[in-house]
């Protein structure tokens, strides 16, 4: 529960001392954030209910890569989409959930 957000699943909870809430900065800083706090949308497709996915998709496909699901999302507000603009596994798991429930 501490990892789940309306955009996906965080790689670490916010209270963890290694948590990095923003995928930004130098290459080293981004590497530290990649598995230490960013949100992974593809995991949301595995655990969320269909209605939650619909809400997420309506927001996500209009803000970063038009019509696409991004690779990662910042673990802190304002939850900016980052990484690969159109990530196949993110889009695939989300579409699978929308199609098959």
C-alpha atoms as a PDB file:
ATOM      1  CA  UNK A   1       0.000   0.000   0.000  1.00  0.00           C
ATOM      2  CA  UNK A   2       2.860   2.398   0.711  1.00  0.00           C
ATOM      3  CA  UNK A   3       4.159   1.914  -2.830  1.00  0.00           C
ATOM      4  CA  UNK A   4       0.914   2.355  -4.757  1.00  0.00           C
ATOM      5  CA  UNK A   5      -0.017   5.707  -6.296  1.00  0.00           C
ATOM      6  CA  UNK A   6      -2.658   6.779  -8.808  1.00  0.00           C
ATOM      7  CA  UNK A   7       0.037   6.556 -11.515  1.00  0.00           C
ATOM      8  CA  UNK A   8       1.614   3.206 -10.711  1.00  0.00           C
ATOM      9  CA  UNK A   9       3.889   1.541  -8.182  1.00  0.00           C
ATOM     10  CA  UNK A  10       6.866   3.263  -6.544  1.00  0.00           C
ATOM     11  CA  UNK A  11      10.128   1.363  -6.398  1.00  0.00           C
ATOM     12  CA  UNK A  12      10.640   2.468  -2.778  1.00  0.00           C
ATOM     13  CA  UNK A  13       8.334   3.960  -0.142  1.00  0.00           C
ATOM     14  CA  UNK A  14       8.757   7.671   0.606  1.00  0.00           C
ATOM     15  CA  UNK A  15       9.956   6.984   4.160  1.00  0.00           C
ATOM     16  CA  UNK A  16      12.940   4.900   2.986  1.00  0.00           C
ATOM     17  CA  UNK A  17      16.251   6.732   3.483  1.00  0.00           C
ATOM     18  CA  UNK A  18      17.265   5.868  -0.098  1.00  0.00           C
ATOM     19  CA  UNK A  19      14.084   7.314  -1.634  1.00  0.00           C
ATOM     20  CA  UNK A  20      14.679   9.749  -4.500  1.00  0.00           C
ATOM     21  CA  UNK A  21      11.413  11.404  -5.515  1.00  0.00           C
ATOM     22  CA  UNK A  22      12.555  13.013  -8.741  1.00  0.00           C
ATOM     23  CA  UNK A  23      14.213  11.472 -11.774  1.00  0.00           C
ATOM     24  CA  UNK A  24      16.331  14.536 -12.550  1.00  0.00           C
ATOM     25  CA  UNK A  25      19.815  15.978 -12.373  1.00  0.00           C
ATOM     26  CA  UNK A  26      23.072  14.436 -13.534  1.00  0.00           C
ATOM     27  CA  UNK A  27      23.329  10.934 -14.983  1.00  0.00           C
ATOM     28  CA  UNK A  28      24.418   9.673 -11.548  1.00  0.00           C
ATOM     29  CA  UNK A  29      21.475  11.378  -9.808  1.00  0.00           C
ATOM     30  CA  UNK A  30      19.022   9.944 -12.342  1.00  0.00           C
ATOM     31  CA  UNK A  31      20.570   6.483 -11.967  1.00  0.00           C
ATOM     32  CA  UNK A  32      20.093   6.720  -8.187  1.00  0.00           C
ATOM     33  CA  UNK A  33      16.439   7.664  -8.614  1.00  0.00           C
ATOM     34  CA  UNK A  34      15.608   5.053 -11.270  1.00  0.00           C
ATOM     35  CA  UNK A  35      15.087   2.163  -8.822  1.00  0.00           C
ATOM     36  CA  UNK A  36      14.812   4.219  -5.645  1.00  0.00           C
ATOM     37  CA  UNK A  37      11.485   5.970  -5.739  1.00  0.00           C
ATOM     38  CA  UNK A  38      10.316   6.435  -9.306  1.00  0.00           C
ATOM     39  CA  UNK A  39       6.887   5.108 -10.226  1.00  0.00           C
ATOM     40  CA  UNK A  40       6.643   2.307 -12.774  1.00  0.00           C
ATOM     41  CA  UNK A  41       3.344   2.460 -14.699  1.00  0.00           C
ATOM     42  CA  UNK A  42       3.682  -1.060 -16.120  1.00  0.00           C
ATOM     43  CA  UNK A  43       3.252  -2.547 -12.645  1.00  0.00           C
ATOM     44  CA  UNK A  44      -0.023  -0.651 -12.289  1.00  0.00           C
ATOM     45  CA  UNK A  45      -1.419  -2.728 -15.145  1.00  0.00           C
ATOM     46  CA  UNK A  46      -0.806  -5.855 -13.075  1.00  0.00           C
ATOM     47  CA  UNK A  47      -2.456  -4.748  -9.832  1.00  0.00           C
ATOM     48  CA  UNK A  48      -4.998  -1.996 -10.510  1.00  0.00           C
ATOM     49  CA  UNK A  49      -8.686  -2.325 -11.219  1.00  0.00           C
ATOM     50  CA  UNK A  50      -9.968  -1.457 -14.681  1.00  0.00           C
ATOM     51  CA  UNK A  51     -11.608   1.799 -13.507  1.00  0.00           C
ATOM     52  CA  UNK A  52      -8.357   2.961 -11.880  1.00  0.00           C
ATOM     53  CA  UNK A  53      -6.520   2.235 -15.123  1.00  0.00           C
ATOM     54  CA  UNK A  54      -9.028   4.283 -17.123  1.00  0.00           C
ATOM     55  CA  UNK A  55      -8.480   7.285 -14.840  1.00  0.00           C
ATOM     56  CA  UNK A  56      -4.704   6.913 -15.151  1.00  0.00           C
ATOM     57  CA  UNK A  57      -4.785   6.579 -18.944  1.00  0.00           C
ATOM     58  CA  UNK A  58      -6.949   9.676 -19.366  1.00  0.00           C
ATOM     59  CA  UNK A  59      -4.278  11.716 -17.576  1.00  0.00           C
ATOM     60  CA  UNK A  60      -1.094  10.036 -18.807  1.00  0.00           C
ATOM     61  CA  UNK A  61      -1.712   9.922 -22.555  1.00  0.00           C
ATOM     62  CA  UNK A  62      -2.296  13.668 -22.690  1.00  0.00           C
ATOM     63  CA  UNK A  63       0.744  14.951 -20.812  1.00  0.00           C
ATOM     64  CA  UNK A  64       4.107  13.555 -21.965  1.00  0.00           C
ATOM     65  CA  UNK A  65       4.074  11.494 -25.132  1.00  0.00           C
ATOM     66  CA  UNK A  66       0.707  12.220 -26.673  1.00  0.00           C
ATOM     67  CA  UNK A  67      -1.200   8.935 -26.812  1.00  0.00           C
ATOM     68  CA  UNK A  68       1.554   6.994 -25.029  1.00  0.00           C
ATOM     69  CA  UNK A  69       2.402   5.613 -21.598  1.00  0.00           C
ATOM     70  CA  UNK A  70       5.815   6.649 -20.275  1.00  0.00           C
ATOM     71  CA  UNK A  71       8.527   4.442 -18.803  1.00  0.00           C
ATOM     72  CA  UNK A  72       8.620   6.030 -15.356  1.00  0.00           C
ATOM     73  CA  UNK A  73       6.998   8.822 -13.357  1.00  0.00           C
ATOM     74  CA  UNK A  74       8.534  10.889 -10.555  1.00  0.00           C
ATOM     75  CA  UNK A  75       7.767   9.428  -7.133  1.00  0.00           C
ATOM     76  CA  UNK A  76       6.934  12.877  -5.739  1.00  0.00           C
ATOM     77  CA  UNK A  77       4.326  15.419  -6.792  1.00  0.00           C
ATOM     78  CA  UNK A  78       3.635  16.740  -9.343  1.00  0.00           C
ATOM     79  CA  UNK A  79       4.290  13.178 -10.622  1.00  0.00           C
ATOM     80  CA  UNK A  80       5.930  14.185 -13.906  1.00  0.00           C
ATOM     81  CA  UNK A  81       6.312  11.522 -16.589  1.00  0.00           C
ATOM     82  CA  UNK A  82       9.947  10.756 -17.395  1.00  0.00           C
ATOM     83  CA  UNK A  83      12.200   8.292 -19.155  1.00  0.00           C
ATOM     84  CA  UNK A  84      11.190   6.737 -22.443  1.00  0.00           C
ATOM     85  CA  UNK A  85       8.168   8.616 -23.798  1.00  0.00           C
ATOM     86  CA  UNK A  86       6.488   5.535 -25.253  1.00  0.00           C
ATOM     87  CA  UNK A  87       7.435   2.443 -23.259  1.00  0.00           C
ATOM     88  CA  UNK A  88       6.209  -0.861 -24.721  1.00  0.00           C
ATOM     89  CA  UNK A  89       5.824  -2.706 -21.421  1.00  0.00           C
ATOM     90  CA  UNK A  90       4.011   0.210 -19.811  1.00  0.00           C
ATOM     91  CA  UNK A  91       1.601   0.505 -22.719  1.00  0.00           C
ATOM     92  CA  UNK A  92       1.230  -3.266 -23.053  1.00  0.00           C
ATOM     93  CA  UNK A  93       0.217  -4.041 -19.485  1.00  0.00           C
ATOM     94  CA  UNK A  94      -2.146  -1.080 -19.368  1.00  0.00           C
ATOM     95  CA  UNK A  95      -3.828  -2.038 -22.657  1.00  0.00           C
ATOM     96  CA  UNK A  96      -4.058  -5.666 -21.516  1.00  0.00           C
ATOM     97  CA  UNK A  97      -5.905  -4.582 -18.362  1.00  0.00           C
ATOM     98  CA  UNK A  98      -8.266  -2.352 -20.332  1.00  0.00           C
ATOM     99  CA  UNK A  99      -9.033  -5.138 -22.793  1.00  0.00           C
ATOM    100  CA  UNK A 100      -9.304  -8.124 -20.469  1.00  0.00           C
ATOM    101  CA  UNK A 101     -10.019  -6.549 -17.090  1.00  0.00           C
END
